[in-house]
Amino acid sequence: GYFNTATTGYYGPITTEAVKQLQKDFGLEPIGG
């Protein structure tokens, strides 16, 4: 539920923000990578 668009194989701003939210939720440093 973090990535609400089609998968593209390109790591851009949308993917970075989705990863940051995952990291925040699970207590990891929200670095986005």
Full PDB file with SEQRES, HELIX, SHEET, SSBOND, CRYST1, ORIGX, SCALE, CONECT and MASTER records, all heavy atoms in Angstrom:
SEQRES   1 A   33  GLY TYR PHE ASN THR ALA THR THR GLY TYR TYR GLY PRO          
SEQRES   2 A   33  ILE THR THR GLU ALA VAL LYS GLN LEU GLN LYS ASP PHE          
SEQRES   3 A   33  GLY LEU GLU PRO ILE GLY GLY                                  
HELIX    1 AA1 PRO A   13  ASP A   25  1                                  13    
CRYST1    1.000    1.000    1.000  90.00  90.00  90.00 P 1           1          
ORIGX1      1.000000  0.000000  0.000000        0.00000                         
ORIGX2      0.000000  1.000000  0.000000        0.00000                         
ORIGX3      0.000000  0.000000  1.000000        0.00000                         
SCALE1      1.000000  0.000000  0.000000        0.00000                         
SCALE2      0.000000  1.000000  0.000000        0.00000                         
SCALE3      0.000000  0.000000  1.000000        0.00000                         
ATOM      1  N   GLY A   1       0.772  -1.228   0.000  1.00  0.00           N  
ATOM      2  CA  GLY A   1       0.000   0.000   0.000  1.00  0.00           C  
ATOM      3  C   GLY A   1       0.804   1.279   0.000  1.00  0.00           C  
ATOM      4  O   GLY A   1       0.257   2.367   0.233  1.00  0.00           O  
ATOM      5  N   TYR A   2       2.115   1.195  -0.284  1.00  0.00           N  
ATOM      6  CA  TYR A   2       2.962   2.380  -0.286  1.00  0.00           C  
ATOM      7  C   TYR A   2       3.171   2.980  -1.677  1.00  0.00           C  
ATOM      8  O   TYR A   2       3.580   4.126  -1.790  1.00  0.00           O  
ATOM      9  CB  TYR A   2       4.341   2.050   0.303  1.00  0.00           C  
ATOM     10  CG  TYR A   2       4.328   1.696   1.759  1.00  0.00           C  
ATOM     11  CD1 TYR A   2       4.522   0.377   2.176  1.00  0.00           C  
ATOM     12  CD2 TYR A   2       4.130   2.667   2.737  1.00  0.00           C  
ATOM     13  CE1 TYR A   2       4.523   0.045   3.518  1.00  0.00           C  
ATOM     14  CE2 TYR A   2       4.132   2.347   4.088  1.00  0.00           C  
ATOM     15  CZ  TYR A   2       4.326   1.028   4.467  1.00  0.00           C  
ATOM     16  OH  TYR A   2       4.326   0.697   5.795  1.00  0.00           O  
ATOM     17  N   PHE A   3       2.956   2.190  -2.712  1.00  0.00           N  
ATOM     18  CA  PHE A   3       3.271   2.600  -4.080  1.00  0.00           C  
ATOM     19  C   PHE A   3       2.008   2.465  -4.913  1.00  0.00           C  
ATOM     20  O   PHE A   3       1.599   1.370  -5.281  1.00  0.00           O  
ATOM     21  CB  PHE A   3       4.395   1.705  -4.622  1.00  0.00           C  
ATOM     22  CG  PHE A   3       4.993   2.151  -5.921  1.00  0.00           C  
ATOM     23  CD1 PHE A   3       5.929   3.171  -5.959  1.00  0.00           C  
ATOM     24  CD2 PHE A   3       4.646   1.537  -7.115  1.00  0.00           C  
ATOM     25  CE1 PHE A   3       6.514   3.566  -7.159  1.00  0.00           C  
ATOM     26  CE2 PHE A   3       5.212   1.923  -8.321  1.00  0.00           C  
ATOM     27  CZ  PHE A   3       6.155   2.944  -8.336  1.00  0.00           C  
ATOM     28  N   ASN A   4       1.378   3.580  -5.207  1.00  0.00           N  
ATOM     29  CA  ASN A   4       0.037   3.546  -5.804  1.00  0.00           C  
ATOM     30  C   ASN A   4       0.024   3.899  -7.286  1.00  0.00           C  
ATOM     31  O   ASN A   4      -0.833   4.636  -7.765  1.00  0.00           O  
ATOM     32  CB  ASN A   4      -0.891   4.474  -5.021  1.00  0.00           C  
ATOM     33  CG  ASN A   4      -1.026   4.067  -3.575  1.00  0.00           C  
ATOM     34  OD1 ASN A   4      -1.237   2.893  -3.287  1.00  0.00           O  
ATOM     35  ND2 ASN A   4      -0.881   5.017  -2.668  1.00  0.00           N  
ATOM     36  N   THR A   5       1.002   3.378  -8.003  1.00  0.00           N  
ATOM     37  CA  THR A   5       1.052   3.572  -9.446  1.00  0.00           C  
ATOM     38  C   THR A   5       1.667   2.331 -10.076  1.00  0.00           C  
ATOM     39  O   THR A   5       2.036   1.398  -9.363  1.00  0.00           O  
ATOM     40  CB  THR A   5       1.861   4.840  -9.797  1.00  0.00           C  
ATOM     41  OG1 THR A   5       1.743   5.105 -11.203  1.00  0.00           O  
ATOM     42  CG2 THR A   5       3.318   4.672  -9.427  1.00  0.00           C  
ATOM     43  N   ALA A   6       1.797   2.310 -11.379  1.00  0.00           N  
ATOM     44  CA  ALA A   6       2.342   1.134 -12.059  1.00  0.00           C  
ATOM     45  C   ALA A   6       3.846   1.008 -11.789  1.00  0.00           C  
ATOM     46  O   ALA A   6       4.559   2.017 -11.661  1.00  0.00           O  
ATOM     47  CB  ALA A   6       2.097   1.239 -13.562  1.00  0.00           C  
ATOM     48  N   THR A   7       4.328  -0.217 -11.684  1.00  0.00           N  
ATOM     49  CA  THR A   7       5.760  -0.444 -11.535  1.00  0.00           C  
ATOM     50  C   THR A   7       6.449  -0.095 -12.854  1.00  0.00           C  
ATOM     51  O   THR A   7       5.952  -0.399 -13.931  1.00  0.00           O  
ATOM     52  CB  THR A   7       6.057  -1.904 -11.162  1.00  0.00           C  
ATOM     53  OG1 THR A   7       5.541  -2.773 -12.175  1.00  0.00           O  
ATOM     54  CG2 THR A   7       5.417  -2.267  -9.831  1.00  0.00           C  
ATOM     55  N   THR A   8       7.603   0.547 -12.732  1.00  0.00           N  
ATOM     56  CA  THR A   8       8.295   1.044 -13.922  1.00  0.00           C  
ATOM     57  C   THR A   8       9.721   0.531 -14.062  1.00  0.00           C  
ATOM     58  O   THR A   8      10.296   0.596 -15.146  1.00  0.00           O  
ATOM     59  CB  THR A   8       8.348   2.577 -13.895  1.00  0.00           C  
ATOM     60  OG1 THR A   8       9.114   2.989 -12.746  1.00  0.00           O  
ATOM     61  CG2 THR A   8       6.956   3.174 -13.824  1.00  0.00           C  
ATOM     62  N   GLY A   9      10.297   0.073 -12.955  1.00  0.00           N  
ATOM     63  CA  GLY A   9      11.704  -0.315 -12.998  1.00  0.00           C  
ATOM     64  C   GLY A   9      12.642   0.871 -12.893  1.00  0.00           C  
ATOM     65  O   GLY A   9      13.864   0.697 -12.968  1.00  0.00           O  
ATOM     66  N   TYR A  10      12.094   2.066 -12.702  1.00  0.00           N  
ATOM     67  CA  TYR A  10      12.909   3.269 -12.514  1.00  0.00           C  
ATOM     68  C   TYR A  10      12.698   3.808 -11.103  1.00  0.00           C  
ATOM     69  O   TYR A  10      11.569   3.999 -10.657  1.00  0.00           O  
ATOM     70  CB  TYR A  10      12.546   4.350 -13.532  1.00  0.00           C  
ATOM     71  CG  TYR A  10      13.186   5.685 -13.226  1.00  0.00           C  
ATOM     72  CD1 TYR A  10      14.560   5.860 -13.364  1.00  0.00           C  
ATOM     73  CD2 TYR A  10      12.424   6.761 -12.762  1.00  0.00           C  
ATOM     74  CE1 TYR A  10      15.159   7.072 -13.051  1.00  0.00           C  
ATOM     75  CE2 TYR A  10      13.007   7.977 -12.450  1.00  0.00           C  
ATOM     76  CZ  TYR A  10      14.384   8.131 -12.593  1.00  0.00           C  
ATOM     77  OH  TYR A  10      14.977   9.325 -12.262  1.00  0.00           O  
ATOM     78  N   TYR A  11      13.791   4.058 -10.413  1.00  0.00           N  
ATOM     79  CA  TYR A  11      13.748   4.528  -9.029  1.00  0.00           C  
ATOM     80  C   TYR A  11      13.799   6.055  -9.018  1.00  0.00           C  
ATOM     81  O   TYR A  11      14.871   6.649  -9.040  1.00  0.00           O  
ATOM     82  CB  TYR A  11      14.945   3.961  -8.261  1.00  0.00           C  
ATOM     83  CG  TYR A  11      14.761   3.832  -6.772  1.00  0.00           C  
ATOM     84  CD1 TYR A  11      14.750   2.590  -6.166  1.00  0.00           C  
ATOM     85  CD2 TYR A  11      14.622   4.954  -5.957  1.00  0.00           C  
ATOM     86  CE1 TYR A  11      14.608   2.447  -4.802  1.00  0.00           C  
ATOM     87  CE2 TYR A  11      14.482   4.840  -4.594  1.00  0.00           C  
ATOM     88  CZ  TYR A  11      14.477   3.568  -4.019  1.00  0.00           C  
ATOM     89  OH  TYR A  11      14.338   3.438  -2.656  1.00  0.00           O  
ATOM     90  N   GLY A  12      12.625   6.654  -9.003  1.00  0.00           N  
ATOM     91  CA  GLY A  12      12.516   8.108  -8.997  1.00  0.00           C  
ATOM     92  C   GLY A  12      11.930   8.627  -7.701  1.00  0.00           C  
ATOM     93  O   GLY A  12      11.900   7.929  -6.680  1.00  0.00           O  
ATOM     94  N   PRO A  13      11.430   9.859  -7.705  1.00  0.00           N  
ATOM     95  CA  PRO A  13      10.890  10.482  -6.484  1.00  0.00           C  
ATOM     96  C   PRO A  13       9.729   9.721  -5.864  1.00  0.00           C  
ATOM     97  O   PRO A  13       9.606   9.675  -4.631  1.00  0.00           O  
ATOM     98  CB  PRO A  13      10.456  11.872  -6.976  1.00  0.00           C  
ATOM     99  CG  PRO A  13      11.294  12.131  -8.178  1.00  0.00           C  
ATOM    100  CD  PRO A  13      11.474  10.809  -8.844  1.00  0.00           C  
ATOM    101  N   ILE A  14       8.845   9.143  -6.693  1.00  0.00           N  
ATOM    102  CA  ILE A  14       7.693   8.417  -6.141  1.00  0.00           C  
ATOM    103  C   ILE A  14       8.155   7.198  -5.356  1.00  0.00           C  
ATOM    104  O   ILE A  14       7.685   6.935  -4.238  1.00  0.00           O  
ATOM    105  CB  ILE A  14       6.721   8.008  -7.271  1.00  0.00           C  
ATOM    106  CG1 ILE A  14       6.109   9.249  -7.917  1.00  0.00           C  
ATOM    107  CG2 ILE A  14       5.611   7.105  -6.722  1.00  0.00           C  
ATOM    108  CD1 ILE A  14       5.232   8.950  -9.121  1.00  0.00           C  
ATOM    109  N   THR A  15       9.106   6.460  -5.923  1.00  0.00           N  
ATOM    110  CA  THR A  15       9.630   5.281  -5.227  1.00  0.00           C  
ATOM    111  C   THR A  15      10.376   5.696  -3.968  1.00  0.00           C  
ATOM    112  O   THR A  15      10.240   5.063  -2.910  1.00  0.00           O  
ATOM    113  CB  THR A  15      10.569   4.482  -6.151  1.00  0.00           C  
ATOM    114  OG1 THR A  15       9.871   4.156  -7.360  1.00  0.00           O  
ATOM    115  CG2 THR A  15      11.030   3.196  -5.471  1.00  0.00           C  
ATOM    116  N   THR A  16      11.141   6.763  -4.064  1.00  0.00           N  
ATOM    117  CA  THR A  16      11.891   7.248  -2.896  1.00  0.00           C  
ATOM    118  C   THR A  16      10.955   7.589  -1.748  1.00  0.00           C  
ATOM    119  O   THR A  16      11.201   7.195  -0.587  1.00  0.00           O  
ATOM    120  CB  THR A  16      12.723   8.491  -3.272  1.00  0.00           C  
ATOM    121  OG1 THR A  16      13.662   8.142  -4.293  1.00  0.00           O  
ATOM    122  CG2 THR A  16      13.481   9.031  -2.059  1.00  0.00           C  
ATOM    123  N   GLU A  17       9.874   8.288  -2.030  1.00  0.00           N  
ATOM    124  CA  GLU A  17       8.931   8.655  -0.975  1.00  0.00           C  
ATOM    125  C   GLU A  17       8.210   7.437  -0.412  1.00  0.00           C  
ATOM    126  O   GLU A  17       7.942   7.370   0.798  1.00  0.00           O  
ATOM    127  CB  GLU A  17       7.918   9.675  -1.504  1.00  0.00           C  
ATOM    128  CG  GLU A  17       8.513  11.048  -1.773  1.00  0.00           C  
ATOM    129  CD  GLU A  17       9.220  11.623  -0.548  1.00  0.00           C  
ATOM    130  OE1 GLU A  17       8.612  11.602   0.548  1.00  0.00           O  
ATOM    131  OE2 GLU A  17      10.363  12.072  -0.686  1.00  0.00           O  
ATOM    132  N   ALA A  18       7.908   6.474  -1.272  1.00  0.00           N  
ATOM    133  CA  ALA A  18       7.261   5.247  -0.798  1.00  0.00           C  
ATOM    134  C   ALA A  18       8.179   4.482   0.138  1.00  0.00           C  
ATOM    135  O   ALA A  18       7.754   3.963   1.178  1.00  0.00           O  
ATOM    136  CB  ALA A  18       6.865   4.374  -1.991  1.00  0.00           C  
ATOM    137  N   VAL A  19       9.453   4.394  -0.211  1.00  0.00           N  
ATOM    138  CA  VAL A  19      10.424   3.703   0.644  1.00  0.00           C  
ATOM    139  C   VAL A  19      10.602   4.446   1.960  1.00  0.00           C  
ATOM    140  O   VAL A  19      10.700   3.825   3.028  1.00  0.00           O  
ATOM    141  CB  VAL A  19      11.775   3.543  -0.086  1.00  0.00           C  
ATOM    142  CG1 VAL A  19      12.863   3.038   0.871  1.00  0.00           C  
ATOM    143  CG2 VAL A  19      11.634   2.575  -1.257  1.00  0.00           C  
ATOM    144  N   LYS A  20      10.626   5.761   1.904  1.00  0.00           N  
ATOM    145  CA  LYS A  20      10.740   6.542   3.142  1.00  0.00           C  
ATOM    146  C   LYS A  20       9.580   6.240   4.095  1.00  0.00           C  
ATOM    147  O   LYS A  20       9.781   6.110   5.308  1.00  0.00           O  
ATOM    148  CB  LYS A  20      10.764   8.044   2.835  1.00  0.00           C  
ATOM    149  CG  LYS A  20      12.096   8.558   2.331  1.00  0.00           C  
ATOM    150  CD  LYS A  20      12.036  10.066   2.140  1.00  0.00           C  
ATOM    151  CE  LYS A  20      13.373  10.618   1.662  1.00  0.00           C  
ATOM    152  NZ  LYS A  20      13.312  12.092   1.466  1.00  0.00           N  
ATOM    153  N   GLN A  21       8.369   6.136   3.553  1.00  0.00           N  
ATOM    154  CA  GLN A  21       7.215   5.858   4.409  1.00  0.00           C  
ATOM    155  C   GLN A  21       7.315   4.461   5.011  1.00  0.00           C  
ATOM    156  O   GLN A  21       7.003   4.261   6.191  1.00  0.00           O  
ATOM    157  CB  GLN A  21       5.917   5.998   3.623  1.00  0.00           C  
ATOM    158  CG  GLN A  21       4.679   5.955   4.501  1.00  0.00           C  
ATOM    159  CD  GLN A  21       4.678   7.022   5.567  1.00  0.00           C  
ATOM    160  OE1 GLN A  21       4.771   8.219   5.258  1.00  0.00           O  
ATOM    161  NE2 GLN A  21       4.583   6.626   6.836  1.00  0.00           N  
ATOM    162  N   LEU A  22       7.743   3.493   4.209  1.00  0.00           N  
ATOM    163  CA  LEU A  22       7.970   2.144   4.730  1.00  0.00           C  
ATOM    164  C   LEU A  22       8.984   2.186   5.864  1.00  0.00           C  
ATOM    165  O   LEU A  22       8.772   1.595   6.942  1.00  0.00           O  
ATOM    166  CB  LEU A  22       8.465   1.234   3.608  1.00  0.00           C  
ATOM    167  CG  LEU A  22       8.963  -0.160   4.024  1.00  0.00           C  
ATOM    168  CD1 LEU A  22       7.787  -1.091   4.292  1.00  0.00           C  
ATOM    169  CD2 LEU A  22       9.854  -0.758   2.929  1.00  0.00           C  
ATOM    170  N   GLN A  23      10.070   2.871   5.642  1.00  0.00           N  
ATOM    171  CA  GLN A  23      11.125   2.950   6.657  1.00  0.00           C  
ATOM    172  C   GLN A  23      10.639   3.630   7.928  1.00  0.00           C  
ATOM    173  O   GLN A  23      10.943   3.179   9.044  1.00  0.00           O  
ATOM    174  CB  GLN A  23      12.339   3.672   6.067  1.00  0.00           C  
ATOM    175  CG  GLN A  23      13.041   2.863   4.987  1.00  0.00           C  
ATOM    176  CD  GLN A  23      13.997   3.676   4.137  1.00  0.00           C  
ATOM    177  OE1 GLN A  23      13.843   4.896   3.993  1.00  0.00           O  
ATOM    178  NE2 GLN A  23      14.987   3.018   3.552  1.00  0.00           N  
ATOM    179  N   LYS A  24       9.861   4.689   7.788  1.00  0.00           N  
ATOM    180  CA  LYS A  24       9.311   5.367   8.971  1.00  0.00           C  
ATOM    181  C   LYS A  24       8.401   4.430   9.757  1.00  0.00           C  
ATOM    182  O   LYS A  24       8.493   4.347  10.991  1.00  0.00           O  
ATOM    183  CB  LYS A  24       8.527   6.607   8.549  1.00  0.00           C  
ATOM    184  CG  LYS A  24       9.374   7.761   8.065  1.00  0.00           C  
ATOM    185  CD  LYS A  24       8.494   8.929   7.606  1.00  0.00           C  
ATOM    186  CE  LYS A  24       9.318  10.074   7.055  1.00  0.00           C  
ATOM    187  NZ  LYS A  24       8.459  11.184   6.562  1.00  0.00           N  
ATOM    188  N   ASP A  25       7.533   3.722   9.052  1.00  0.00           N  
ATOM    189  CA  ASP A  25       6.576   2.848   9.725  1.00  0.00           C  
ATOM    190  C   ASP A  25       7.272   1.730  10.498  1.00  0.00           C  
ATOM    191  O   ASP A  25       6.788   1.296  11.545  1.00  0.00           O  
ATOM    192  CB  ASP A  25       5.606   2.233   8.715  1.00  0.00           C  
ATOM    193  CG  ASP A  25       4.574   3.233   8.211  1.00  0.00           C  
ATOM    194  OD1 ASP A  25       4.496   4.347   8.774  1.00  0.00           O  
ATOM    195  OD2 ASP A  25       3.840   2.896   7.252  1.00  0.00           O  
ATOM    196  N   PHE A  26       8.404   1.252   9.968  1.00  0.00           N  
ATOM    197  CA  PHE A  26       9.070   0.120  10.583  1.00  0.00           C  
ATOM    198  C   PHE A  26      10.282   0.517  11.425  1.00  0.00           C  
ATOM    199  O   PHE A  26      11.096  -0.319  11.797  1.00  0.00           O  
ATOM    200  CB  PHE A  26       9.487  -0.894   9.511  1.00  0.00           C  
ATOM    201  CG  PHE A  26       8.326  -1.698   8.986  1.00  0.00           C  
ATOM    202  CD1 PHE A  26       7.548  -1.220   7.950  1.00  0.00           C  
ATOM    203  CD2 PHE A  26       8.001  -2.923   9.547  1.00  0.00           C  
ATOM    204  CE1 PHE A  26       6.456  -1.945   7.469  1.00  0.00           C  
ATOM    205  CE2 PHE A  26       6.925  -3.656   9.082  1.00  0.00           C  
ATOM    206  CZ  PHE A  26       6.157  -3.166   8.041  1.00  0.00           C  
ATOM    207  N   GLY A  27      10.401   1.785  11.735  1.00  0.00           N  
ATOM    208  CA  GLY A  27      11.424   2.238  12.663  1.00  0.00           C  
ATOM    209  C   GLY A  27      12.816   2.306  12.086  1.00  0.00           C  
ATOM    210  O   GLY A  27      13.802   2.294  12.835  1.00  0.00           O  
ATOM    211  N   LEU A  28      12.913   2.382  10.758  1.00  0.00           N  
ATOM    212  CA  LEU A  28      14.216   2.521  10.123  1.00  0.00           C  
ATOM    213  C   LEU A  28      14.456   3.981   9.753  1.00  0.00           C  
ATOM    214  O   LEU A  28      13.530   4.767   9.607  1.00  0.00           O  
ATOM    215  CB  LEU A  28      14.285   1.657   8.860  1.00  0.00           C  
ATOM    216  CG  LEU A  28      14.038   0.157   9.042  1.00  0.00           C  
ATOM    217  CD1 LEU A  28      14.109  -0.553   7.693  1.00  0.00           C  
ATOM    218  CD2 LEU A  28      15.047  -0.448  10.007  1.00  0.00           C  
ATOM    219  N   GLU A  29      15.718   4.342   9.579  1.00  0.00           N  
ATOM    220  CA  GLU A  29      16.029   5.702   9.163  1.00  0.00           C  
ATOM    221  C   GLU A  29      15.447   5.948   7.774  1.00  0.00           C  
ATOM    222  O   GLU A  29      15.721   5.197   6.830  1.00  0.00           O  
ATOM    223  CB  GLU A  29      17.545   5.899   9.136  1.00  0.00           C  
ATOM    224  CG  GLU A  29      17.961   7.316   8.782  1.00  0.00           C  
ATOM    225  CD  GLU A  29      19.470   7.481   8.722  1.00  0.00           C  
ATOM    226  OE1 GLU A  29      20.192   6.493   8.957  1.00  0.00           O  
ATOM    227  OE2 GLU A  29      19.912   8.613   8.431  1.00  0.00           O  
ATOM    228  N   PRO A  30      14.636   6.988   7.612  1.00  0.00           N  
ATOM    229  CA  PRO A  30      13.952   7.232   6.337  1.00  0.00           C  
ATOM    230  C   PRO A  30      14.869   7.865   5.297  1.00  0.00           C  
ATOM    231  O   PRO A  30      14.718   9.034   4.935  1.00  0.00           O  
ATOM    232  CB  PRO A  30      12.814   8.163   6.733  1.00  0.00           C  
ATOM    233  CG  PRO A  30      13.348   8.925   7.900  1.00  0.00           C  
ATOM    234  CD  PRO A  30      14.215   7.959   8.655  1.00  0.00           C  
ATOM    235  N   ILE A  31      15.789   7.089   4.777  1.00  0.00           N  
ATOM    236  CA  ILE A  31      16.760   7.609   3.823  1.00  0.00           C  
ATOM    237  C   ILE A  31      16.229   7.573   2.386  1.00  0.00           C  
ATOM    238  O   ILE A  31      16.769   8.228   1.502  1.00  0.00           O  
ATOM    239  CB  ILE A  31      18.083   6.834   3.903  1.00  0.00           C  
ATOM    240  CG1 ILE A  31      17.853   5.347   3.624  1.00  0.00           C  
ATOM    241  CG2 ILE A  31      18.742   7.026   5.260  1.00  0.00           C  
ATOM    242  CD1 ILE A  31      19.130   4.514   3.555  1.00  0.00           C  
ATOM    243  N   GLY A  32      15.201   6.750   2.142  1.00  0.00           N  
ATOM    244  CA  GLY A  32      14.609   6.700   0.817  1.00  0.00           C  
ATOM    245  C   GLY A  32      15.258   5.740  -0.138  1.00  0.00           C  
ATOM    246  O   GLY A  32      14.715   5.450  -1.204  1.00  0.00           O  
ATOM    247  N   GLY A  33      16.424   5.244   0.203  1.00  0.00           N  
ATOM    248  CA  GLY A  33      17.093   4.227  -0.596  1.00  0.00           C  
ATOM    249  C   GLY A  33      16.971   2.871   0.066  1.00  0.00           C  
ATOM    250  O   GLY A  33      16.719   2.772   1.273  1.00  0.00           O  
TER     251      GLY A  33                                                      
MASTER        0    0    0    1    0    0    0    6  250    1    0    3          
END                                                                             
